All heavy atoms as atom14 arrays in JSON, in Angstrom:
{
  "sequence": "IRALEGCEEYRLFDAVNGDLMLYERFTTRNHWQAHFDAPAIVRLKAE",
  "atom14_mask": [
    [1, 1, 1, 1, 1, 1, 1, 1, 0, 0, 0, 0, 0, 0],
    [1, 1, 1, 1, 1, 1, 1, 1, 1, 1, 1, 0, 0, 0],
    [1, 1, 1, 1, 1, 0, 0, 0, 0, 0, 0, 0, 0, 0],
    [1, 1, 1, 1, 1, 1, 1, 1, 0, 0, 0, 0, 0, 0],
    [1, 1, 1, 1, 1, 1, 1, 1, 1, 0, 0, 0, 0, 0],
    [1, 1, 1, 1, 0, 0, 0, 0, 0, 0, 0, 0, 0, 0],
    [1, 1, 1, 1, 1, 1, 0, 0, 0, 0, 0, 0, 0, 0],
    [1, 1, 1, 1, 1, 1, 1, 1, 1, 0, 0, 0, 0, 0],
    [1, 1, 1, 1, 1, 1, 1, 1, 1, 0, 0, 0, 0, 0],
    [1, 1, 1, 1, 1, 1, 1, 1, 1, 1, 1, 1, 0, 0],
    [1, 1, 1, 1, 1, 1, 1, 1, 1, 1, 1, 0, 0, 0],
    [1, 1, 1, 1, 1, 1, 1, 1, 0, 0, 0, 0, 0, 0],
    [1, 1, 1, 1, 1, 1, 1, 1, 1, 1, 1, 0, 0, 0],
    [1, 1, 1, 1, 1, 1, 1, 1, 0, 0, 0, 0, 0, 0],
    [1, 1, 1, 1, 1, 0, 0, 0, 0, 0, 0, 0, 0, 0],
    [1, 1, 1, 1, 1, 1, 1, 0, 0, 0, 0, 0, 0, 0],
    [1, 1, 1, 1, 1, 1, 1, 1, 0, 0, 0, 0, 0, 0],
    [1, 1, 1, 1, 0, 0, 0, 0, 0, 0, 0, 0, 0, 0],
    [1, 1, 1, 1, 1, 1, 1, 1, 0, 0, 0, 0, 0, 0],
    [1, 1, 1, 1, 1, 1, 1, 1, 0, 0, 0, 0, 0, 0],
    [1, 1, 1, 1, 1, 1, 1, 1, 0, 0, 0, 0, 0, 0],
    [1, 1, 1, 1, 1, 1, 1, 1, 0, 0, 0, 0, 0, 0],
    [1, 1, 1, 1, 1, 1, 1, 1, 1, 1, 1, 1, 0, 0],
    [1, 1, 1, 1, 1, 1, 1, 1, 1, 0, 0, 0, 0, 0],
    [1, 1, 1, 1, 1, 1, 1, 1, 1, 1, 1, 0, 0, 0],
    [1, 1, 1, 1, 1, 1, 1, 1, 1, 1, 1, 0, 0, 0],
    [1, 1, 1, 1, 1, 1, 1, 0, 0, 0, 0, 0, 0, 0],
    [1, 1, 1, 1, 1, 1, 1, 0, 0, 0, 0, 0, 0, 0],
    [1, 1, 1, 1, 1, 1, 1, 1, 1, 1, 1, 0, 0, 0],
    [1, 1, 1, 1, 1, 1, 1, 1, 0, 0, 0, 0, 0, 0],
    [1, 1, 1, 1, 1, 1, 1, 1, 1, 1, 0, 0, 0, 0],
    [1, 1, 1, 1, 1, 1, 1, 1, 1, 1, 1, 1, 1, 1],
    [1, 1, 1, 1, 1, 1, 1, 1, 1, 0, 0, 0, 0, 0],
    [1, 1, 1, 1, 1, 0, 0, 0, 0, 0, 0, 0, 0, 0],
    [1, 1, 1, 1, 1, 1, 1, 1, 1, 1, 0, 0, 0, 0],
    [1, 1, 1, 1, 1, 1, 1, 1, 1, 1, 1, 0, 0, 0],
    [1, 1, 1, 1, 1, 1, 1, 1, 0, 0, 0, 0, 0, 0],
    [1, 1, 1, 1, 1, 0, 0, 0, 0, 0, 0, 0, 0, 0],
    [1, 1, 1, 1, 1, 1, 1, 0, 0, 0, 0, 0, 0, 0],
    [1, 1, 1, 1, 1, 0, 0, 0, 0, 0, 0, 0, 0, 0],
    [1, 1, 1, 1, 1, 1, 1, 1, 0, 0, 0, 0, 0, 0],
    [1, 1, 1, 1, 1, 1, 1, 0, 0, 0, 0, 0, 0, 0],
    [1, 1, 1, 1, 1, 1, 1, 1, 1, 1, 1, 0, 0, 0],
    [1, 1, 1, 1, 1, 1, 1, 1, 0, 0, 0, 0, 0, 0],
    [1, 1, 1, 1, 1, 1, 1, 1, 1, 0, 0, 0, 0, 0],
    [1, 1, 1, 1, 1, 0, 0, 0, 0, 0, 0, 0, 0, 0],
    [1, 1, 1, 1, 1, 1, 1, 1, 1, 0, 0, 0, 0, 0]
  ],
  "atom14_positions": [
    [[0.86, -1.21, 0.0], [0.05, -0.08, 0.01], [0.91, 1.28, 0.02], [0.61, 2.17, -0.77], [-0.96, 0.01, 1.23], [-1.9, -1.2, 1.06], [-1.68, 1.31, 1.34], [-2.7, -1.48, 2.3], [0.0, 0.0, 0.0], [0.0, 0.0, 0.0], [0.0, 0.0, 0.0], [0.0, 0.0, 0.0], [0.0, 0.0, 0.0], [0.0, 0.0, 0.0]],
    [[1.93, 1.27, 0.84], [2.8, 2.43, 0.85], [3.51, 2.69, -0.42], [3.95, 3.85, -0.65], [3.83, 2.21, 1.99], [3.2, 2.34, 3.4], [4.24, 2.01, 4.47], [3.66, 2.24, 5.79], [4.1, 1.67, 6.85], [5.12, 0.87, 6.81], [3.52, 1.97, 8.06], [0.0, 0.0, 0.0], [0.0, 0.0, 0.0], [0.0, 0.0, 0.0]],
    [[3.63, 1.71, -1.26], [4.36, 1.88, -2.51], [3.4, 2.48, -3.63], [3.86, 2.73, -4.73], [4.88, 0.5, -3.01], [0.0, 0.0, 0.0], [0.0, 0.0, 0.0], [0.0, 0.0, 0.0], [0.0, 0.0, 0.0], [0.0, 0.0, 0.0], [0.0, 0.0, 0.0], [0.0, 0.0, 0.0], [0.0, 0.0, 0.0], [0.0, 0.0, 0.0]],
    [[2.07, 2.6, -3.35], [1.22, 3.16, -4.35], [1.51, 4.54, -4.69], [2.01, 5.35, -3.82], [-0.24, 3.07, -3.82], [-0.77, 1.64, -3.58], [-2.15, 1.72, -2.91], [-0.86, 0.84, -4.9], [0.0, 0.0, 0.0], [0.0, 0.0, 0.0], [0.0, 0.0, 0.0], [0.0, 0.0, 0.0], [0.0, 0.0, 0.0], [0.0, 0.0, 0.0]],
    [[1.24, 4.93, -5.89], [1.51, 6.29, -6.4], [0.72, 7.23, -5.52], [-0.49, 7.09, -5.29], [1.15, 6.4, -7.81], [1.45, 7.76, -8.38], [1.09, 7.9, -9.92], [0.82, 6.94, -10.52], [1.07, 9.08, -10.3], [0.0, 0.0, 0.0], [0.0, 0.0, 0.0], [0.0, 0.0, 0.0], [0.0, 0.0, 0.0], [0.0, 0.0, 0.0]],
    [[1.31, 8.26, -5.03], [0.66, 9.36, -4.28], [0.58, 9.03, -2.81], [0.09, 9.88, -2.02], [0.0, 0.0, 0.0], [0.0, 0.0, 0.0], [0.0, 0.0, 0.0], [0.0, 0.0, 0.0], [0.0, 0.0, 0.0], [0.0, 0.0, 0.0], [0.0, 0.0, 0.0], [0.0, 0.0, 0.0], [0.0, 0.0, 0.0], [0.0, 0.0, 0.0]],
    [[0.92, 7.86, -2.39], [0.8, 7.47, -0.93], [1.95, 8.04, -0.23], [3.12, 7.66, -0.42], [0.72, 5.98, -0.76], [0.55, 5.53, 0.96], [0.0, 0.0, 0.0], [0.0, 0.0, 0.0], [0.0, 0.0, 0.0], [0.0, 0.0, 0.0], [0.0, 0.0, 0.0], [0.0, 0.0, 0.0], [0.0, 0.0, 0.0], [0.0, 0.0, 0.0]],
    [[1.73, 9.0, 0.66], [2.74, 9.64, 1.45], [2.97, 8.94, 2.77], [4.07, 8.79, 3.31], [2.53, 11.12, 1.6], [2.45, 11.87, 0.34], [2.17, 13.36, 0.45], [1.92, 13.83, 1.63], [2.1, 14.03, -0.52], [0.0, 0.0, 0.0], [0.0, 0.0, 0.0], [0.0, 0.0, 0.0], [0.0, 0.0, 0.0], [0.0, 0.0, 0.0]],
    [[1.85, 8.47, 3.4], [1.88, 7.84, 4.68], [0.75, 6.83, 4.74], [-0.42, 7.21, 4.22], [1.87, 8.69, 5.87], [3.08, 9.53, 6.15], [3.04, 10.25, 7.42], [3.16, 9.54, 8.49], [2.9, 11.43, 7.49], [0.0, 0.0, 0.0], [0.0, 0.0, 0.0], [0.0, 0.0, 0.0], [0.0, 0.0, 0.0], [0.0, 0.0, 0.0]],
    [[0.89, 5.76, 5.35], [-0.12, 4.78, 5.63], [0.32, 4.03, 6.83], [1.23, 3.22, 6.75], [-0.29, 3.81, 4.39], [-1.67, 3.22, 4.29], [-2.64, 3.7, 3.42], [-1.99, 2.05, 5.04], [-3.88, 3.16, 3.33], [-3.23, 1.51, 4.88], [-4.19, 2.05, 4.04], [-5.47, 1.48, 3.9], [0.0, 0.0, 0.0], [0.0, 0.0, 0.0]],
    [[-0.34, 4.29, 7.98], [0.22, 3.8, 9.27], [-1.01, 3.26, 10.03], [-2.09, 3.71, 9.94], [0.81, 4.94, 10.08], [2.01, 5.53, 9.31], [2.53, 6.78, 9.88], [3.04, 6.55, 11.26], [3.4, 7.44, 12.11], [3.4, 8.71, 11.8], [3.9, 7.1, 13.34], [0.0, 0.0, 0.0], [0.0, 0.0, 0.0], [0.0, 0.0, 0.0]],
    [[-0.68, 2.16, 10.82], [-1.7, 1.45, 11.61], [-1.43, 1.8, 13.12], [-0.25, 1.77, 13.6], [-1.55, -0.06, 11.35], [-2.5, -0.89, 12.23], [-4.01, -0.62, 11.91], [-2.21, -2.34, 12.0], [0.0, 0.0, 0.0], [0.0, 0.0, 0.0], [0.0, 0.0, 0.0], [0.0, 0.0, 0.0], [0.0, 0.0, 0.0], [0.0, 0.0, 0.0]],
    [[-2.45, 2.06, 13.84], [-2.41, 2.36, 15.29], [-3.38, 1.47, 16.05], [-4.43, 1.15, 15.55], [-2.74, 3.85, 15.58], [-1.75, 4.8, 14.99], [-1.88, 5.25, 13.61], [-0.73, 5.3, 15.8], [-0.98, 6.16, 13.15], [0.2, 6.22, 15.22], [0.03, 6.62, 13.88], [0.0, 0.0, 0.0], [0.0, 0.0, 0.0], [0.0, 0.0, 0.0]],
    [[-2.95, 1.11, 17.29], [-3.89, 0.41, 18.2], [-4.5, 1.51, 19.03], [-3.87, 2.31, 19.63], [-3.07, -0.5, 19.15], [-2.51, -1.74, 18.47], [-3.26, -2.34, 17.7], [-1.36, -2.08, 18.73], [0.0, 0.0, 0.0], [0.0, 0.0, 0.0], [0.0, 0.0, 0.0], [0.0, 0.0, 0.0], [0.0, 0.0, 0.0], [0.0, 0.0, 0.0]],
    [[-5.91, 1.48, 19.07], [-6.71, 2.36, 19.81], [-6.83, 1.75, 21.25], [-6.89, 0.49, 21.38], [-8.02, 2.65, 19.27], [0.0, 0.0, 0.0], [0.0, 0.0, 0.0], [0.0, 0.0, 0.0], [0.0, 0.0, 0.0], [0.0, 0.0, 0.0], [0.0, 0.0, 0.0], [0.0, 0.0, 0.0], [0.0, 0.0, 0.0], [0.0, 0.0, 0.0]],
    [[-6.87, 2.57, 22.31], [-6.99, 2.01, 23.62], [-8.28, 1.17, 23.9], [-8.35, 0.37, 24.76], [-6.91, 3.13, 24.72], [-5.44, 3.71, 24.66], [-7.91, 4.15, 24.6], [0.0, 0.0, 0.0], [0.0, 0.0, 0.0], [0.0, 0.0, 0.0], [0.0, 0.0, 0.0], [0.0, 0.0, 0.0], [0.0, 0.0, 0.0], [0.0, 0.0, 0.0]],
    [[-9.3, 1.41, 23.02], [-10.52, 0.67, 23.22], [-10.56, -0.68, 22.42], [-11.61, -1.33, 22.42], [-11.73, 1.57, 22.8], [-11.73, 1.78, 21.36], [-10.82, 1.46, 20.57], [-12.87, 2.36, 20.85], [0.0, 0.0, 0.0], [0.0, 0.0, 0.0], [0.0, 0.0, 0.0], [0.0, 0.0, 0.0], [0.0, 0.0, 0.0], [0.0, 0.0, 0.0]],
    [[-9.42, -1.02, 21.74], [-9.35, -2.28, 21.02], [-9.6, -2.06, 19.54], [-9.33, -3.03, 18.74], [0.0, 0.0, 0.0], [0.0, 0.0, 0.0], [0.0, 0.0, 0.0], [0.0, 0.0, 0.0], [0.0, 0.0, 0.0], [0.0, 0.0, 0.0], [0.0, 0.0, 0.0], [0.0, 0.0, 0.0], [0.0, 0.0, 0.0], [0.0, 0.0, 0.0]],
    [[-10.04, -0.92, 19.11], [-10.19, -0.66, 17.69], [-8.77, -0.5, 17.02], [-7.79, -0.38, 17.79], [-10.95, 0.64, 17.37], [-12.43, 0.47, 17.72], [-12.94, -0.68, 17.98], [-13.16, 1.49, 17.71], [0.0, 0.0, 0.0], [0.0, 0.0, 0.0], [0.0, 0.0, 0.0], [0.0, 0.0, 0.0], [0.0, 0.0, 0.0], [0.0, 0.0, 0.0]],
    [[-8.75, -0.51, 15.75], [-7.6, -0.24, 14.98], [-7.81, 1.04, 14.19], [-8.91, 1.27, 13.67], [-7.22, -1.44, 14.11], [-6.89, -2.69, 14.8], [-6.82, -3.84, 13.8], [-5.57, -2.61, 15.57], [0.0, 0.0, 0.0], [0.0, 0.0, 0.0], [0.0, 0.0, 0.0], [0.0, 0.0, 0.0], [0.0, 0.0, 0.0], [0.0, 0.0, 0.0]],
    [[-6.8, 1.88, 14.08], [-6.91, 3.14, 13.36], [-5.89, 3.2, 12.27], [-4.72, 2.85, 12.48], [-6.73, 4.33, 14.31], [-7.73, 4.4, 15.47], [-9.38, 4.73, 14.92], [-9.22, 6.43, 14.3], [0.0, 0.0, 0.0], [0.0, 0.0, 0.0], [0.0, 0.0, 0.0], [0.0, 0.0, 0.0], [0.0, 0.0, 0.0], [0.0, 0.0, 0.0]],
    [[-6.34, 3.61, 11.08], [-5.38, 3.83, 9.96], [-5.3, 5.31, 9.76], [-6.27, 6.02, 9.81], [-5.97, 3.22, 8.7], [-5.94, 1.67, 8.6], [-6.67, 1.19, 7.39], [-4.42, 1.18, 8.55], [0.0, 0.0, 0.0], [0.0, 0.0, 0.0], [0.0, 0.0, 0.0], [0.0, 0.0, 0.0], [0.0, 0.0, 0.0], [0.0, 0.0, 0.0]],
    [[-4.06, 5.69, 9.59], [-3.83, 7.12, 9.23], [-3.27, 7.02, 7.76], [-2.21, 6.4, 7.57], [-2.76, 7.7, 10.2], [-2.18, 9.02, 9.71], [-2.89, 10.23, 9.84], [-0.83, 9.09, 9.11], [-2.35, 11.46, 9.34], [-0.38, 10.22, 8.71], [-1.06, 11.44, 8.8], [-0.57, 12.64, 8.36], [0.0, 0.0, 0.0], [0.0, 0.0, 0.0]],
    [[-3.94, 7.69, 6.88], [-3.6, 7.62, 5.49], [-3.35, 9.14, 4.94], [-4.1, 10.02, 5.35], [-4.69, 7.03, 4.63], [-5.13, 5.69, 5.09], [-6.36, 5.17, 4.28], [-6.71, 5.8, 3.2], [-6.99, 4.26, 4.78], [0.0, 0.0, 0.0], [0.0, 0.0, 0.0], [0.0, 0.0, 0.0], [0.0, 0.0, 0.0], [0.0, 0.0, 0.0]],
    [[-2.24, 9.27, 4.23], [-2.1, 10.54, 3.59], [-1.6, 10.38, 2.19], [-0.64, 9.66, 1.94], [-0.95, 11.32, 4.38], [-0.7, 12.77, 3.8], [0.27, 13.44, 4.79], [0.75, 14.62, 4.19], [0.35, 15.85, 4.54], [-0.66, 16.0, 5.42], [0.81, 16.92, 3.93], [0.0, 0.0, 0.0], [0.0, 0.0, 0.0], [0.0, 0.0, 0.0]],
    [[-2.34, 11.04, 1.28], [-2.13, 10.92, -0.15], [-1.84, 12.34, -0.72], [-2.43, 13.27, -0.23], [-3.22, 10.24, -0.87], [-3.35, 8.79, -0.61], [-3.96, 8.28, 0.58], [-2.77, 7.88, -1.47], [-4.08, 6.96, 0.83], [-2.77, 6.48, -1.2], [-3.43, 6.05, -0.12], [0.0, 0.0, 0.0], [0.0, 0.0, 0.0], [0.0, 0.0, 0.0]],
    [[-1.04, 12.43, -1.71], [-0.66, 13.65, -2.33], [-1.88, 14.47, -2.74], [-1.97, 15.64, -2.59], [0.27, 13.45, -3.55], [1.33, 12.61, -3.1], [0.81, 14.73, -4.13], [0.0, 0.0, 0.0], [0.0, 0.0, 0.0], [0.0, 0.0, 0.0], [0.0, 0.0, 0.0], [0.0, 0.0, 0.0], [0.0, 0.0, 0.0], [0.0, 0.0, 0.0]],
    [[-2.91, 13.76, -3.29], [-4.17, 14.44, -3.73], [-5.35, 13.48, -3.43], [-5.18, 12.26, -3.21], [-4.12, 14.68, -5.23], [-4.16, 13.44, -5.97], [-2.98, 15.6, -5.64], [0.0, 0.0, 0.0], [0.0, 0.0, 0.0], [0.0, 0.0, 0.0], [0.0, 0.0, 0.0], [0.0, 0.0, 0.0], [0.0, 0.0, 0.0], [0.0, 0.0, 0.0]],
    [[-6.53, 14.08, -3.52], [-7.78, 13.24, -3.29], [-7.79, 12.2, -4.46], [-8.24, 11.11, -4.23], [-8.99, 14.13, -3.32], [-10.24, 13.35, -3.12], [-11.47, 14.3, -2.93], [-12.54, 13.54, -2.33], [-13.4, 12.7, -2.88], [-13.31, 12.5, -4.23], [-14.31, 12.15, -2.23], [0.0, 0.0, 0.0], [0.0, 0.0, 0.0], [0.0, 0.0, 0.0]],
    [[-7.38, 12.59, -5.69], [-7.39, 11.65, -6.73], [-6.54, 10.44, -6.47], [-6.92, 9.33, -6.83], [-6.99, 12.29, -8.05], [-8.09, 13.25, -8.65], [-9.23, 13.19, -8.23], [-7.73, 14.14, -9.52], [0.0, 0.0, 0.0], [0.0, 0.0, 0.0], [0.0, 0.0, 0.0], [0.0, 0.0, 0.0], [0.0, 0.0, 0.0], [0.0, 0.0, 0.0]],
    [[-5.38, 10.61, -5.9], [-4.53, 9.52, -5.57], [-5.2, 8.61, -4.47], [-5.19, 7.36, -4.53], [-3.19, 9.96, -4.95], [-2.26, 10.51, -5.92], [-2.0, 11.86, -6.08], [-1.55, 9.92, -6.96], [-1.11, 12.07, -7.13], [-0.85, 10.89, -7.59], [0.0, 0.0, 0.0], [0.0, 0.0, 0.0], [0.0, 0.0, 0.0], [0.0, 0.0, 0.0]],
    [[-5.9, 9.3, -3.55], [-6.57, 8.46, -2.52], [-7.72, 7.65, -3.16], [-7.88, 6.45, -2.89], [-7.15, 9.36, -1.41], [-7.94, 8.64, -0.39], [-7.54, 7.71, 0.47], [-9.29, 8.88, -0.02], [-8.54, 7.22, 1.24], [-9.63, 8.02, 1.03], [-10.27, 9.77, -0.53], [-10.93, 7.95, 1.52], [-11.58, 9.77, 0.09], [-11.87, 8.78, 1.03]],
    [[-8.48, 8.28, -4.03], [-9.59, 7.58, -4.69], [-9.05, 6.42, -5.53], [-9.66, 5.37, -5.52], [-10.4, 8.55, -5.54], [-11.14, 9.58, -4.74], [-12.31, 8.94, -4.02], [-13.25, 8.39, -4.63], [-12.28, 8.99, -2.68], [0.0, 0.0, 0.0], [0.0, 0.0, 0.0], [0.0, 0.0, 0.0], [0.0, 0.0, 0.0], [0.0, 0.0, 0.0]],
    [[-8.03, 6.62, -6.2], [-7.33, 5.61, -7.06], [-6.87, 4.42, -6.28], [-6.87, 3.28, -6.74], [-6.22, 6.23, -7.86], [0.0, 0.0, 0.0], [0.0, 0.0, 0.0], [0.0, 0.0, 0.0], [0.0, 0.0, 0.0], [0.0, 0.0, 0.0], [0.0, 0.0, 0.0], [0.0, 0.0, 0.0], [0.0, 0.0, 0.0], [0.0, 0.0, 0.0]],
    [[-6.44, 4.61, -5.05], [-5.88, 3.5, -4.25], [-7.01, 2.46, -3.96], [-6.62, 1.27, -3.69], [-5.25, 4.05, -2.99], [-6.0, 3.9, -1.7], [-7.05, 4.7, -1.38], [-5.86, 3.06, -0.65], [-7.56, 4.34, -0.18], [-6.84, 3.36, 0.28], [0.0, 0.0, 0.0], [0.0, 0.0, 0.0], [0.0, 0.0, 0.0], [0.0, 0.0, 0.0]],
    [[-8.22, 2.76, -4.04], [-9.27, 1.77, -3.81], [-9.24, 0.63, -4.85], [-9.81, -0.45, -4.62], [-10.66, 2.51, -3.75], [-10.85, 3.22, -2.49], [-10.99, 4.61, -2.54], [-10.99, 2.59, -1.23], [-11.17, 5.36, -1.42], [-11.2, 3.34, -0.13], [-11.27, 4.74, -0.15], [0.0, 0.0, 0.0], [0.0, 0.0, 0.0], [0.0, 0.0, 0.0]],
    [[-8.72, 0.86, -6.04], [-8.59, -0.12, -7.13], [-7.34, -0.9, -7.02], [-7.23, -1.86, -7.84], [-8.72, 0.58, -8.47], [-10.05, 1.24, -8.67], [-11.11, 0.69, -8.18], [-10.11, 2.28, -9.33], [0.0, 0.0, 0.0], [0.0, 0.0, 0.0], [0.0, 0.0, 0.0], [0.0, 0.0, 0.0], [0.0, 0.0, 0.0], [0.0, 0.0, 0.0]],
    [[-6.47, -0.59, -6.18], [-5.16, -1.34, -6.04], [-5.38, -2.72, -5.5], [-6.29, -2.94, -4.64], [-4.24, -0.53, -5.1], [0.0, 0.0, 0.0], [0.0, 0.0, 0.0], [0.0, 0.0, 0.0], [0.0, 0.0, 0.0], [0.0, 0.0, 0.0], [0.0, 0.0, 0.0], [0.0, 0.0, 0.0], [0.0, 0.0, 0.0], [0.0, 0.0, 0.0]],
    [[-4.73, -3.74, -6.0], [-4.88, -5.12, -5.53], [-4.87, -5.28, -4.04], [-5.63, -6.05, -3.45], [-3.78, -5.92, -6.26], [-3.5, -5.11, -7.5], [-3.71, -3.65, -7.12], [0.0, 0.0, 0.0], [0.0, 0.0, 0.0], [0.0, 0.0, 0.0], [0.0, 0.0, 0.0], [0.0, 0.0, 0.0], [0.0, 0.0, 0.0], [0.0, 0.0, 0.0]],
    [[-3.94, -4.57, -3.33], [-3.77, -4.71, -1.94], [-5.06, -4.19, -1.17], [-5.47, -4.84, -0.19], [-2.57, -3.98, -1.33], [0.0, 0.0, 0.0], [0.0, 0.0, 0.0], [0.0, 0.0, 0.0], [0.0, 0.0, 0.0], [0.0, 0.0, 0.0], [0.0, 0.0, 0.0], [0.0, 0.0, 0.0], [0.0, 0.0, 0.0], [0.0, 0.0, 0.0]],
    [[-5.64, -3.13, -1.66], [-6.82, -2.58, -1.03], [-8.06, -3.42, -1.37], [-8.92, -3.71, -0.54], [-7.04, -1.18, -1.43], [-5.87, -0.19, -0.99], [-8.37, -0.61, -0.85], [-5.63, -0.25, 0.52], [0.0, 0.0, 0.0], [0.0, 0.0, 0.0], [0.0, 0.0, 0.0], [0.0, 0.0, 0.0], [0.0, 0.0, 0.0], [0.0, 0.0, 0.0]],
    [[-8.1, -3.94, -2.62], [-9.18, -4.83, -2.94], [-9.18, -6.12, -2.04], [-10.21, -6.58, -1.5], [-9.1, -5.26, -4.52], [-10.15, -6.39, -4.83], [-9.37, -4.01, -5.36], [0.0, 0.0, 0.0], [0.0, 0.0, 0.0], [0.0, 0.0, 0.0], [0.0, 0.0, 0.0], [0.0, 0.0, 0.0], [0.0, 0.0, 0.0], [0.0, 0.0, 0.0]],
    [[-7.98, -6.66, -1.86], [-7.85, -7.78, -1.01], [-8.18, -7.54, 0.48], [-8.93, -8.25, 1.11], [-6.36, -8.33, -1.05], [-6.16, -9.5, -0.14], [-4.71, -10.08, -0.14], [-4.48, -10.94, 0.89], [-3.39, -11.22, 1.43], [-2.22, -10.7, 0.89], [-3.26, -12.0, 2.47], [0.0, 0.0, 0.0], [0.0, 0.0, 0.0], [0.0, 0.0, 0.0]],
    [[-7.67, -6.33, 0.92], [-7.96, -5.92, 2.34], [-9.5, -5.82, 2.55], [-10.0, -6.33, 3.47], [-7.27, -4.57, 2.51], [-7.29, -4.07, 3.99], [-6.45, -4.99, 4.84], [-6.77, -2.63, 4.05], [0.0, 0.0, 0.0], [0.0, 0.0, 0.0], [0.0, 0.0, 0.0], [0.0, 0.0, 0.0], [0.0, 0.0, 0.0], [0.0, 0.0, 0.0]],
    [[-10.2, -5.17, 1.68], [-11.65, -4.99, 1.8], [-12.38, -6.32, 1.78], [-13.28, -6.58, 2.54], [-12.16, -4.09, 0.71], [-11.75, -2.62, 0.93], [-12.15, -1.7, -0.21], [-13.67, -1.49, -0.29], [-14.02, -0.54, -1.28], [0.0, 0.0, 0.0], [0.0, 0.0, 0.0], [0.0, 0.0, 0.0], [0.0, 0.0, 0.0], [0.0, 0.0, 0.0]],
    [[-11.91, -7.27, 0.85], [-12.59, -8.57, 0.77], [-12.31, -9.36, 1.98], [-13.29, -9.97, 2.56], [-12.0, -9.27, -0.52], [0.0, 0.0, 0.0], [0.0, 0.0, 0.0], [0.0, 0.0, 0.0], [0.0, 0.0, 0.0], [0.0, 0.0, 0.0], [0.0, 0.0, 0.0], [0.0, 0.0, 0.0], [0.0, 0.0, 0.0], [0.0, 0.0, 0.0]],
    [[-11.18, -9.38, 2.53], [-10.83, -10.31, 3.64], [-11.31, -9.71, 4.92], [-11.57, -10.44, 5.91], [-9.32, -10.61, 3.75], [-8.87, -11.4, 2.5], [-7.54, -11.93, 2.65], [-7.0, -12.13, 3.73], [-6.88, -12.19, 1.57], [0.0, 0.0, 0.0], [0.0, 0.0, 0.0], [0.0, 0.0, 0.0], [0.0, 0.0, 0.0], [0.0, 0.0, 0.0]]
  ]
}
C-alpha cells in the first residue's frame, strides 16, 4: 500500500478501546480515490 503512487503515509495504530486506526495521507484526493482499485486494497476490503 505504501508503494502506491501518491501514498505519502499509511500507518496502523492500536486504539486503547481495542479498535484499530489507519492514518492515510495521499498527495491528492485523486490519488486516495485511485488507491481503492489497487490489488492490496481490494484484498484488504474482501478479507
